[in-house]
C-alpha atoms as a PDB file:
ATOM      1  CA  MET A   1      -0.027   0.032   0.195  1.00  0.00           C
ATOM      2  CA  SER A   2       1.317   3.371  -0.890  1.00  0.00           C
ATOM      3  CA  LYS A   3       1.924   6.114   1.640  1.00  0.00           C
ATOM      4  CA  PRO A   4      -0.575   9.130   1.767  1.00  0.00           C
ATOM      5  CA  ALA A   5       1.017  12.172   0.089  1.00  0.00           C
ATOM      6  CA  PRO A   6       2.199  14.705   2.630  1.00  0.00           C
ATOM      7  CA  PRO A   7      -0.072  17.861   3.260  1.00  0.00           C
ATOM      8  CA  VAL A   8       2.022  20.172   0.877  1.00  0.00           C
ATOM      9  CA  ALA A   9       1.936  17.570  -2.067  1.00  0.00           C
ATOM     10  CA  ARG A  10      -1.858  17.168  -1.695  1.00  0.00           C
ATOM     11  CA  ILE A  11      -2.149  20.891  -1.851  1.00  0.00           C
ATOM     12  CA  PHE A  12      -0.147  21.142  -5.272  1.00  0.00           C
ATOM     13  CA  ALA A  13      -1.845  17.875  -6.589  1.00  0.00           C
ATOM     14  CA  SER A  14      -5.243  19.542  -5.802  1.00  0.00           C
ATOM     15  CA  ALA A  15      -3.998  22.806  -7.747  1.00  0.00           C
ATOM     16  CA  ALA A  16      -3.121  20.676 -10.673  1.00  0.00           C
ATOM     17  CA  ARG A  17      -6.561  19.378 -10.877  1.00  0.00           C
ATOM     18  CA  GLN A  18      -8.196  22.809 -10.550  1.00  0.00           C
ATOM     19  CA  PRO A  19      -5.996  25.113 -12.357  1.00  0.00           C
ATOM     20  CA  TRP A  20      -7.580  28.403 -10.880  1.00  0.00           C
ATOM     21  CA  ARG A  21      -5.978  27.352  -7.611  1.00  0.00           C
ATOM     22  CA  TRP A  22      -2.522  27.609  -8.939  1.00  0.00           C
ATOM     23  CA  LEU A  23      -2.815  31.575  -8.658  1.00  0.00           C
ATOM     24  CA  ALA A  24      -3.554  31.206  -4.869  1.00  0.00           C
ATOM     25  CA  VAL A  25      -0.857  28.699  -4.335  1.00  0.00           C
ATOM     26  CA  VAL A  26       1.793  30.887  -6.134  1.00  0.00           C
ATOM     27  CA  VAL A  27       0.626  33.967  -4.073  1.00  0.00           C
ATOM     28  CA  ALA A  28       1.087  31.817  -0.697  1.00  0.00           C
ATOM     29  CA  ALA A  29       4.346  30.598  -1.955  1.00  0.00           C
ATOM     30  CA  ALA A  30       5.521  34.246  -2.640  1.00  0.00           C
ATOM     31  CA  ALA A  31       4.419  35.285   0.329  1.00  0.00           C
ATOM     32  CA  LEU A  32       6.645  32.646   2.326  1.00  0.00           C
ATOM     33  CA  VAL A  33       9.436  33.468   0.162  1.00  0.00           C
ATOM     34  CA  ALA A  34       9.217  37.132   0.877  1.00  0.00           C
ATOM     35  CA  GLY A  35       9.809  36.415   4.552  1.00  0.00           C
ATOM     36  CA  CYS A  36       7.997  37.096   7.812  1.00  0.00           C
ATOM     37  CA  GLU A  37       8.658  41.046   7.822  1.00  0.00           C
ATOM     38  CA  GLY A  38       7.274  41.606   4.393  1.00  0.00           C
ATOM     39  CA  LEU A  39       4.235  39.307   5.189  1.00  0.00           C
ATOM     40  CA  GLN A  40       3.609  41.091   8.350  1.00  0.00           C
ATOM     41  CA  THR A  41       3.412  44.419   6.647  1.00  0.00           C
ATOM     42  CA  GLN A  42       1.075  43.195   3.758  1.00  0.00           C
ATOM     43  CA  GLN A  43      -1.544  41.609   6.074  1.00  0.00           C
ATOM     44  CA  ARG A  44      -1.450  44.844   8.158  1.00  0.00           C
ATOM     45  CA  LYS A  45      -2.453  46.577   4.801  1.00  0.00           C
ATOM     46  CA  TRP A  46      -4.985  43.992   3.953  1.00  0.00           C
ATOM     47  CA  ILE A  47      -6.588  43.939   7.467  1.00  0.00           C
ATOM     48  CA  PHE A  48      -6.979  47.617   8.171  1.00  0.00           C
ATOM     49  CA  GLN A  49      -7.213  49.069   4.707  1.00  0.00           C
ATOM     50  CA  ALA A  50      -6.296  52.420   6.299  1.00  0.00           C
ATOM     51  CA  ARG A  51      -6.516  55.432   4.364  1.00  0.00           C
ATOM     52  CA  PRO A  52      -5.362  58.984   5.316  1.00  0.00           C
ATOM     53  CA  SER A  53      -7.594  61.897   4.964  1.00  0.00           C
ATOM     54  CA  ILE A  54      -6.957  64.475   2.112  1.00  0.00           C
ATOM     55  CA  VAL A  55      -9.388  66.987   3.534  1.00  0.00           C
ATOM     56  CA  SER A  56      -7.794  69.998   5.480  1.00  0.00           C
ATOM     57  CA  VAL A  57      -8.090  70.550   9.127  1.00  0.00           C
ATOM     58  CA  ASP A  58     -10.420  73.490   8.407  1.00  0.00           C
ATOM     59  CA  GLU A  59     -12.737  71.377   6.291  1.00  0.00           C
ATOM     60  CA  LEU A  60     -12.657  68.843   8.923  1.00  0.00           C
ATOM     61  CA  ALA A  61     -14.051  71.306  11.386  1.00  0.00           C
ATOM     62  CA  ARG A  62     -16.652  72.622   8.837  1.00  0.00           C
ATOM     63  CA  LEU A  63     -17.911  68.854   8.320  1.00  0.00           C
ATOM     64  CA  SER A  64     -17.947  68.244  12.094  1.00  0.00           C
ATOM     65  CA  SER A  65     -20.022  71.233  12.927  1.00  0.00           C
ATOM     66  CA  ALA A  66     -22.445  70.390  10.117  1.00  0.00           C
ATOM     67  CA  ARG A  67     -23.033  67.013  11.957  1.00  0.00           C
ATOM     68  CA  ASP A  68     -23.321  68.874  15.390  1.00  0.00           C
ATOM     69  CA  MET A  69     -20.097  67.171  16.307  1.00  0.00           C
ATOM     70  CA  GLN A  70     -16.641  68.635  17.525  1.00  0.00           C
ATOM     71  CA  ASP A  71     -13.094  67.692  16.459  1.00  0.00           C
ATOM     72  CA  VAL A  72     -10.814  66.459  19.203  1.00  0.00           C
ATOM     73  CA  TRP A  73      -7.109  65.899  19.006  1.00  0.00           C
ATOM     74  CA  ILE A  74      -5.429  63.174  21.318  1.00  0.00           C
ATOM     75  CA  ASP A  75      -1.689  62.848  21.814  1.00  0.00           C
ATOM     76  CA  HIS A  76       0.316  60.010  23.208  1.00  0.00           C
ATOM     77  CA  VAL A  77       3.597  58.164  22.624  1.00  0.00           C
ATOM     78  CA  SER A  78       3.279  54.726  21.109  1.00  0.00           C
ATOM     79  CA  ALA A  79       5.087  51.891  22.733  1.00  0.00           C
ATOM     80  CA  ALA A  80       4.633  49.743  19.664  1.00  0.00           C
ATOM     81  CA  SER A  81       6.174  52.219  17.232  1.00  0.00           C
ATOM     82  CA  GLY A  82       8.104  54.524  19.541  1.00  0.00           C
ATOM     83  CA  ARG A  83       6.528  57.644  17.838  1.00  0.00           C
ATOM     84  CA  ARG A  84       4.509  60.315  18.990  1.00  0.00           C
ATOM     85  CA  ILE A  85       0.902  59.719  17.747  1.00  0.00           C
ATOM     86  CA  ARG A  86      -1.779  62.192  17.245  1.00  0.00           C
ATOM     87  CA  LEU A  87      -5.298  60.885  17.044  1.00  0.00           C
ATOM     88  CA  HIS A  88      -8.164  62.739  15.361  1.00  0.00           C
ATOM     89  CA  GLY A  89     -11.649  62.232  16.716  1.00  0.00           C
ATOM     90  CA  LEU A  90     -15.380  63.385  16.765  1.00  0.00           C
ATOM     91  CA  TRP A  91     -16.999  64.415  19.974  1.00  0.00           C
ATOM     92  CA  ALA A  92     -20.839  63.893  19.702  1.00  0.00           C
ATOM     93  CA  PRO A  93     -22.330  65.116  22.760  1.00  0.00           C
ATOM     94  CA  ASN A  94     -26.061  64.183  23.823  1.00  0.00           C
ATOM     95  CA  ALA A  95     -28.268  66.892  25.046  1.00  0.00           C
ATOM     96  CA  ALA A  96     -29.123  65.100  28.125  1.00  0.00           C
ATOM     97  CA  PRO A  97     -27.051  66.491  31.319  1.00  0.00           C
ATOM     98  CA  GLY A  98     -24.690  63.855  32.595  1.00  0.00           C
ATOM     99  CA  SER A  99     -25.484  61.360  29.961  1.00  0.00           C
ATOM    100  CA  PRO A 100     -22.981  58.299  29.780  1.00  0.00           C
ATOM    101  CA  VAL A 101     -19.954  58.535  27.532  1.00  0.00           C
ATOM    102  CA  LEU A 102     -19.194  55.868  24.783  1.00  0.00           C
ATOM    103  CA  LEU A 103     -15.791  55.234  23.044  1.00  0.00           C
ATOM    104  CA  TYR A 104     -16.741  54.319  19.400  1.00  0.00           C
ATOM    105  CA  LEU A 105     -14.242  52.195  17.645  1.00  0.00           C
ATOM    106  CA  HIS A 106     -14.863  51.748  14.011  1.00  0.00           C
ATOM    107  CA  GLY A 107     -13.950  48.910  11.559  1.00  0.00           C
ATOM    108  CA  ALA A 108     -11.700  48.709   8.499  1.00  0.00           C
ATOM    109  CA  ARG A 109     -11.387  50.996   5.663  1.00  0.00           C
ATOM    110  CA  ARG A 110     -13.663  53.659   6.673  1.00  0.00           C
ATOM    111  CA  ASP A 111     -12.760  56.633   8.831  1.00  0.00           C
ATOM    112  CA  VAL A 112     -14.820  58.462  11.526  1.00  0.00           C
ATOM    113  CA  GLY A 113     -16.369  60.696   8.790  1.00  0.00           C
ATOM    114  CA  GLY A 114     -17.603  57.523   6.992  1.00  0.00           C
ATOM    115  CA  ASN A 115     -19.056  56.297  10.507  1.00  0.00           C
ATOM    116  CA  ALA A 116     -20.838  59.619  11.081  1.00  0.00           C
ATOM    117  CA  PHE A 117     -24.100  57.785  10.758  1.00  0.00           C
ATOM    118  CA  ARG A 118     -23.485  55.146  13.050  1.00  0.00           C
ATOM    119  CA  ILE A 119     -21.790  57.777  15.618  1.00  0.00           C
ATOM    120  CA  GLY A 120     -25.238  59.664  15.444  1.00  0.00           C
ATOM    121  CA  HIS A 121     -27.104  56.304  16.109  1.00  0.00           C
ATOM    122  CA  MET A 122     -25.274  55.746  19.297  1.00  0.00           C
ATOM    123  CA  ARG A 123     -25.991  59.205  20.368  1.00  0.00           C
ATOM    124  CA  GLU A 124     -29.651  58.731  19.753  1.00  0.00           C
ATOM    125  CA  LEU A 125     -29.427  55.722  22.105  1.00  0.00           C
ATOM    126  CA  GLY A 126     -28.602  57.974  24.841  1.00  0.00           C
ATOM    127  CA  PHE A 127     -24.648  58.384  24.908  1.00  0.00           C
ATOM    128  CA  SER A 128     -22.232  61.233  24.376  1.00  0.00           C
ATOM    129  CA  VAL A 129     -19.900  59.664  21.681  1.00  0.00           C
ATOM    130  CA  LEU A 130     -16.131  59.933  21.210  1.00  0.00           C
ATOM    131  CA  ALA A 131     -15.177  58.274  18.117  1.00  0.00           C
ATOM    132  CA  ILE A 132     -11.479  58.247  16.989  1.00  0.00           C
ATOM    133  CA  ASP A 133      -9.550  57.304  14.064  1.00  0.00           C
ATOM    134  CA  TYR A 134      -6.627  55.004  14.731  1.00  0.00           C
ATOM    135  CA  ARG A 135      -3.115  55.701  13.284  1.00  0.00           C
ATOM    136  CA  GLY A 136      -3.064  55.571   9.579  1.00  0.00           C
ATOM    137  CA  PHE A 137      -6.896  56.496   9.338  1.00  0.00           C
ATOM    138  CA  GLY A 138      -8.291  59.904   8.440  1.00  0.00           C
ATOM    139  CA  ALA A 139      -6.251  62.820   9.936  1.00  0.00           C
ATOM    140  CA  SER A 140      -4.516  60.791  12.499  1.00  0.00           C
ATOM    141  CA  THR A 141      -0.687  60.199  12.435  1.00  0.00           C
ATOM    142  CA  ASP A 142       0.004  58.506   9.062  1.00  0.00           C
ATOM    143  CA  GLU A 143       1.516  55.241  10.365  1.00  0.00           C
ATOM    144  CA  LEU A 144       0.609  51.560   9.260  1.00  0.00           C
ATOM    145  CA  PRO A 145      -1.653  50.317  11.977  1.00  0.00           C
ATOM    146  CA  SER A 146      -0.980  47.093  14.005  1.00  0.00           C
ATOM    147  CA  GLN A 147      -3.104  45.260  16.608  1.00  0.00           C
ATOM    148  CA  ASP A 148      -0.942  46.543  19.300  1.00  0.00           C
ATOM    149  CA  GLY A 149      -0.865  50.038  17.851  1.00  0.00           C
ATOM    150  CA  VAL A 150      -4.671  50.467  17.505  1.00  0.00           C
ATOM    151  CA  VAL A 151      -5.256  48.844  20.959  1.00  0.00           C
ATOM    152  CA  GLU A 152      -2.872  51.615  22.154  1.00  0.00           C
ATOM    153  CA  ASP A 153      -4.935  54.251  20.554  1.00  0.00           C
ATOM    154  CA  ALA A 154      -8.158  53.039  21.879  1.00  0.00           C
ATOM    155  CA  ALA A 155      -6.549  53.020  25.481  1.00  0.00           C
ATOM    156  CA  ALA A 156      -5.358  56.630  24.842  1.00  0.00           C
ATOM    157  CA  ALA A 157      -8.879  57.739  23.819  1.00  0.00           C
ATOM    158  CA  TRP A 158     -10.176  55.834  26.808  1.00  0.00           C
ATOM    159  CA  HIS A 159      -7.932  57.717  29.166  1.00  0.00           C
ATOM    160  CA  TRP A 160      -8.863  61.120  27.385  1.00  0.00           C
ATOM    161  CA  LEU A 161     -12.580  60.346  28.312  1.00  0.00           C
ATOM    162  CA  ALA A 162     -11.650  59.739  31.896  1.00  0.00           C
ATOM    163  CA  ARG A 163      -9.792  63.064  32.073  1.00  0.00           C
ATOM    164  CA  GLU A 164     -12.368  65.339  30.105  1.00  0.00           C
ATOM    165  CA  HIS A 165     -15.487  63.749  31.529  1.00  0.00           C
ATOM    166  CA  ALA A 166     -14.563  62.502  35.035  1.00  0.00           C
ATOM    167  CA  GLY A 167     -17.368  60.900  36.967  1.00  0.00           C
ATOM    168  CA  ARG A 168     -19.416  60.015  34.013  1.00  0.00           C
ATOM    169  CA  PRO A 169     -20.008  56.288  33.270  1.00  0.00           C
ATOM    170  CA  ARG A 170     -17.882  55.029  30.559  1.00  0.00           C
ATOM    171  CA  TYR A 171     -18.668  52.369  27.844  1.00  0.00           C
ATOM    172  CA  VAL A 172     -16.876  51.084  24.781  1.00  0.00           C
ATOM    173  CA  PHE A 173     -18.612  50.040  21.426  1.00  0.00           C
ATOM    174  CA  GLY A 174     -16.896  48.378  18.503  1.00  0.00           C
ATOM    175  CA  HIS A 175     -18.157  47.535  15.063  1.00  0.00           C
ATOM    176  CA  SER A 176     -16.614  44.774  12.981  1.00  0.00           C
ATOM    177  CA  LEU A 177     -12.711  44.951  13.394  1.00  0.00           C
ATOM    178  CA  GLY A 178     -13.541  47.845  15.845  1.00  0.00           C
ATOM    179  CA  GLY A 179     -15.267  45.158  17.961  1.00  0.00           C
ATOM    180  CA  ALA A 180     -12.078  43.172  18.100  1.00  0.00           C
ATOM    181  CA  VAL A 181     -10.275  46.277  19.196  1.00  0.00           C
ATOM    182  CA  ALA A 182     -13.005  46.898  21.955  1.00  0.00           C
ATOM    183  CA  VAL A 183     -12.597  43.342  23.379  1.00  0.00           C
ATOM    184  CA  GLN A 184      -8.877  43.717  23.529  1.00  0.00           C
ATOM    185  CA  LEU A 185      -9.019  46.964  25.345  1.00  0.00           C
ATOM    186  CA  ALA A 186     -11.718  45.799  27.886  1.00  0.00           C
ATOM    187  CA  ALA A 187      -9.598  42.621  28.341  1.00  0.00           C
ATOM    188  CA  ALA A 188      -6.500  44.773  29.135  1.00  0.00           C
ATOM    189  CA  LEU A 189      -8.625  46.869  31.469  1.00  0.00           C
ATOM    190  CA  ALA A 190     -10.290  43.617  33.222  1.00  0.00           C
ATOM    191  CA  ASP A 191      -8.165  43.857  36.502  1.00  0.00           C
ATOM    192  CA  ALA A 192      -7.913  47.729  36.700  1.00  0.00           C
ATOM    193  CA  PRO A 193      -9.853  49.592  39.546  1.00  0.00           C
ATOM    194  CA  ALA A 194     -13.714  49.511  38.873  1.00  0.00           C
ATOM    195  CA  THR A 195     -13.618  53.237  38.052  1.00  0.00           C
ATOM    196  CA  GLN A 196     -11.118  52.593  35.312  1.00  0.00           C
ATOM    197  CA  ARG A 197     -12.813  49.803  33.608  1.00  0.00           C
ATOM    198  CA  PRO A 198     -15.913  49.960  31.026  1.00  0.00           C
ATOM    199  CA  ARG A 199     -19.397  49.840  32.707  1.00  0.00           C
ATOM    200  CA  GLY A 200     -20.152  47.659  29.576  1.00  0.00           C
ATOM    201  CA  VAL A 201     -18.770  46.336  26.245  1.00  0.00           C
ATOM    202  CA  ILE A 202     -21.020  46.736  23.280  1.00  0.00           C
ATOM    203  CA  VAL A 203     -19.809  44.881  19.999  1.00  0.00           C
ATOM    204  CA  GLU A 204     -21.653  44.634  16.641  1.00  0.00           C
ATOM    205  CA  GLY A 205     -20.925  42.639  13.575  1.00  0.00           C
ATOM    206  CA  THR A 206     -17.516  41.350  14.997  1.00  0.00           C
ATOM    207  CA  PHE A 207     -15.510  37.933  14.872  1.00  0.00           C
ATOM    208  CA  THR A 208     -13.751  35.486  16.832  1.00  0.00           C
ATOM    209  CA  SER A 209     -10.363  36.133  15.366  1.00  0.00           C
ATOM    210  CA  VAL A 210      -8.909  37.003  11.984  1.00  0.00           C
ATOM    211  CA  GLY A 211      -7.634  33.521  11.318  1.00  0.00           C
ATOM    212  CA  GLU A 212     -11.179  32.012  11.799  1.00  0.00           C
ATOM    213  CA  LEU A 213     -12.772  34.865   9.610  1.00  0.00           C
ATOM    214  CA  PHE A 214     -10.116  34.172   6.895  1.00  0.00           C
ATOM    215  CA  ARG A 215     -11.318  30.537   6.720  1.00  0.00           C
ATOM    216  CA  THR A 216     -14.847  32.024   5.664  1.00  0.00           C
ATOM    217  CA  PHE A 217     -13.447  33.720   2.380  1.00  0.00           C
ATOM    218  CA  LYS A 218     -12.976  32.532  -1.014  1.00  0.00           C
ATOM    219  CA  TRP A 219      -9.081  31.473  -0.302  1.00  0.00           C
ATOM    220  CA  GLY A 220      -9.780  30.395   3.181  1.00  0.00           C
ATOM    221  CA  TRP A 221      -8.633  26.716   2.174  1.00  0.00           C
ATOM    222  CA  LEU A 222      -5.027  28.027   1.978  1.00  0.00           C
ATOM    223  CA  PRO A 223      -3.041  26.740   4.979  1.00  0.00           C
ATOM    224  CA  ILE A 224      -1.708  30.184   5.941  1.00  0.00           C
ATOM    225  CA  THR A 225      -3.530  30.942   9.176  1.00  0.00           C
ATOM    226  CA  ALA A 226      -0.490  29.958  11.132  1.00  0.00           C
ATOM    227  CA  LEU A 227       1.512  32.904   9.530  1.00  0.00           C
ATOM    228  CA  ILE A 228      -1.187  35.474  10.729  1.00  0.00           C
ATOM    229  CA  THR A 229       0.433  37.726  13.048  1.00  0.00           C
ATOM    230  CA  GLU A 230      -2.481  40.313  13.704  1.00  0.00           C
ATOM    231  CA  ARG A 231      -4.637  37.781  15.229  1.00  0.00           C
ATOM    232  CA  PHE A 232      -7.149  39.717  17.206  1.00  0.00           C
ATOM    233  CA  ASP A 233      -8.065  36.552  19.206  1.00  0.00           C
ATOM    234  CA  SER A 234     -11.443  37.896  20.734  1.00  0.00           C
ATOM    235  CA  LEU A 235     -12.460  34.189  21.573  1.00  0.00           C
ATOM    236  CA  ALA A 236      -9.629  34.113  24.066  1.00  0.00           C
ATOM    237  CA  ALA A 237      -9.896  37.674  25.216  1.00  0.00           C
ATOM    238  CA  VAL A 238     -13.603  37.763  25.780  1.00  0.00           C
ATOM    239  CA  SER A 239     -13.324  35.142  28.530  1.00  0.00           C
ATOM    240  CA  ARG A 240     -11.039  37.553  30.651  1.00  0.00           C
ATOM    241  CA  LEU A 241     -13.624  40.519  30.567  1.00  0.00           C
ATOM    242  CA  SER A 242     -14.936  41.748  33.963  1.00  0.00           C
ATOM    243  CA  SER A 243     -17.385  44.256  32.226  1.00  0.00           C
ATOM    244  CA  PRO A 244     -20.965  43.186  31.139  1.00  0.00           C
ATOM    245  CA  LEU A 245     -21.251  42.351  27.386  1.00  0.00           C
ATOM    246  CA  LEU A 246     -23.917  43.154  24.762  1.00  0.00           C
ATOM    247  CA  VAL A 247     -23.246  41.268  21.373  1.00  0.00           C
ATOM    248  CA  VAL A 248     -25.302  42.462  18.409  1.00  0.00           C
ATOM    249  CA  HIS A 249     -25.183  40.698  15.017  1.00  0.00           C
ATOM    250  CA  GLY A 250     -27.353  40.779  11.863  1.00  0.00           C
ATOM    251  CA  SER A 251     -28.873  37.574  10.765  1.00  0.00           C
ATOM    252  CA  HIS A 252     -27.987  38.378   7.089  1.00  0.00           C
ATOM    253  CA  ASP A 253     -24.355  39.473   7.919  1.00  0.00           C
ATOM    254  CA  SER A 254     -22.614  38.071   4.993  1.00  0.00           C
ATOM    255  CA  LEU A 255     -19.051  39.519   5.707  1.00  0.00           C
ATOM    256  CA  VAL A 256     -19.097  38.265   9.228  1.00  0.00           C
ATOM    257  CA  PRO A 257     -21.613  35.395   9.962  1.00  0.00           C
ATOM    258  CA  SER A 258     -23.584  35.631  12.911  1.00  0.00           C
ATOM    259  CA  ARG A 259     -22.161  32.531  14.376  1.00  0.00           C
ATOM    260  CA  PHE A 260     -19.063  34.430  15.342  1.00  0.00           C
ATOM    261  CA  GLY A 261     -21.100  36.792  17.552  1.00  0.00           C
ATOM    262  CA  ARG A 262     -22.796  33.759  19.050  1.00  0.00           C
ATOM    263  CA  ALA A 263     -19.539  32.087  19.857  1.00  0.00           C
ATOM    264  CA  LEU A 264     -18.236  35.258  21.564  1.00  0.00           C
ATOM    265  CA  PHE A 265     -21.315  35.513  23.583  1.00  0.00           C
ATOM    266  CA  GLU A 266     -21.337  32.067  24.669  1.00  0.00           C
ATOM    267  CA  ARG A 267     -17.493  32.248  25.736  1.00  0.00           C
ATOM    268  CA  ALA A 268     -18.104  35.222  28.047  1.00  0.00           C
ATOM    269  CA  THR A 269     -18.548  34.608  31.687  1.00  0.00           C
ATOM    270  CA  VAL A 270     -19.610  38.144  32.621  1.00  0.00           C
ATOM    271  CA  PRO A 271     -23.591  39.296  32.715  1.00  0.00           C
ATOM    272  CA  LYS A 272     -24.420  39.364  29.098  1.00  0.00           C
ATOM    273  CA  ARG A 273     -26.933  39.594  26.231  1.00  0.00           C
ATOM    274  CA  PHE A 274     -27.057  38.431  22.592  1.00  0.00           C
ATOM    275  CA  VAL A 275     -29.414  40.242  20.134  1.00  0.00           C
ATOM    276  CA  LEU A 276     -29.772  38.925  16.738  1.00  0.00           C
ATOM    277  CA  VAL A 277     -31.336  41.429  14.443  1.00  0.00           C
ATOM    278  CA  GLU A 278     -33.478  39.753  11.769  1.00  0.00           C
ATOM    279  CA  GLY A 279     -32.724  40.897   8.234  1.00  0.00           C
ATOM    280  CA  GLY A 280     -29.575  42.896   9.474  1.00  0.00           C
ATOM    281  CA  THR A 281     -26.656  43.032   7.405  1.00  0.00           C
ATOM    282  CA  HIS A 282     -22.977  44.071   8.205  1.00  0.00           C
ATOM    283  CA  SER A 283     -23.840  47.710   7.315  1.00  0.00           C
ATOM    284  CA  SER A 284     -27.560  47.950   8.511  1.00  0.00           C
ATOM    285  CA  THR A 285     -27.949  45.975  11.710  1.00  0.00           C
ATOM    286  CA  GLY A 286     -27.673  49.383  13.834  1.00  0.00           C
ATOM    287  CA  TRP A 287     -30.726  50.950  12.457  1.00  0.00           C
ATOM    288  CA  ARG A 288     -32.751  47.771  11.755  1.00  0.00           C
ATOM    289  CA  GLY A 289     -32.227  46.688  15.313  1.00  0.00           C
ATOM    290  CA  ALA A 290     -32.621  50.218  17.099  1.00  0.00           C
ATOM    291  CA  GLU A 291     -35.529  49.065  19.210  1.00  0.00           C
ATOM    292  CA  ALA A 292     -33.781  45.929  20.178  1.00  0.00           C
ATOM    293  CA  TYR A 293     -30.610  47.982  21.024  1.00  0.00           C
ATOM    294  CA  ARG A 294     -32.740  50.252  23.347  1.00  0.00           C
ATOM    295  CA  ALA A 295     -34.333  47.256  25.097  1.00  0.00           C
ATOM    296  CA  ALA A 296     -30.973  45.516  25.641  1.00  0.00           C
ATOM    297  CA  LEU A 297     -29.265  48.586  26.826  1.00  0.00           C
ATOM    298  CA  ARG A 298     -31.942  49.376  29.448  1.00  0.00           C
ATOM    299  CA  GLU A 299     -31.981  45.708  30.607  1.00  0.00           C
ATOM    300  CA  LEU A 300     -28.139  44.980  30.831  1.00  0.00           C
ATOM    301  CA  PHE A 301     -26.728  48.582  31.717  1.00  0.00           C
ATOM    302  CA  GLY A 302     -29.650  50.531  32.732  1.00  0.00           C
ATOM    303  CA  VAL A 303     -29.054  53.157  30.209  1.00  0.00           C
ATOM    304  CA  GLY A 304     -30.430  54.309  26.830  1.00  0.00           C
ATOM    305  CA  ASP A 305     -32.908  56.656  25.229  1.00  0.00           C
ATOM    306  CA  GLY A 306     -35.757  57.142  27.616  1.00  0.00           C
ATOM    307  CA  ALA A 307     -34.313  55.019  30.314  1.00  0.00           C
END
């Protein structure tokens, strides 16, 4: 009896039977040859899809004012890169005195300007919202983002809220990739004094890890997940949370299937709620599920519009 072919041989044999796979095999091989440093740089570009702003500071201020928001600038020194980082953010205050404050963390590709609708939605739910652009996005410092770097940026914004709005309850929200950032931030704060931890964590349309999400894509059969350095392993981090967790997902999210949100919910050991918004997609879950959001915020956190 002949011995089974080794895994690499089976991959190339499969590619020979299906010629379209040769391109993917060649790309994967080229990435391996390029070396770890080049691969790490490229995956950071693919994961974050960050784009700097071409709008002037004056134009940013005009656009923010038109949205009834204000520009904020947050400076910190990055341990990840050793550089001084300046973050641009939008502050969207709620009219209610003493409203809870929310750190809004957006996903890949779109900056805070492209998330203005979602920011406004969270304000309508009862929060005063600080939304930030990580390094590499919008008008923030033009540096290629990394997992460590964006979590540092989120932490700098978190401390800004504590300084500028002392005494007000603080929450953190993340959409898509921003949900992974939010979970990492909350896990890092899990052992901090109660006044420094989030009163609650809210994630929408997010995933368990970059590697697991990659497996759902067209080229997910490629054996390259071990090479991923920007892992964003939310499934491991969510088990360390000490703050209540609200997980929201759309039933028709084709980019990040709802089973990922369910897996995060099931792994968490804190007080928690899972809201599946029927008909919600990756981009429409927030407004489609507005009433479910309000109910969950009241039930889990005791906050929200009309609470």
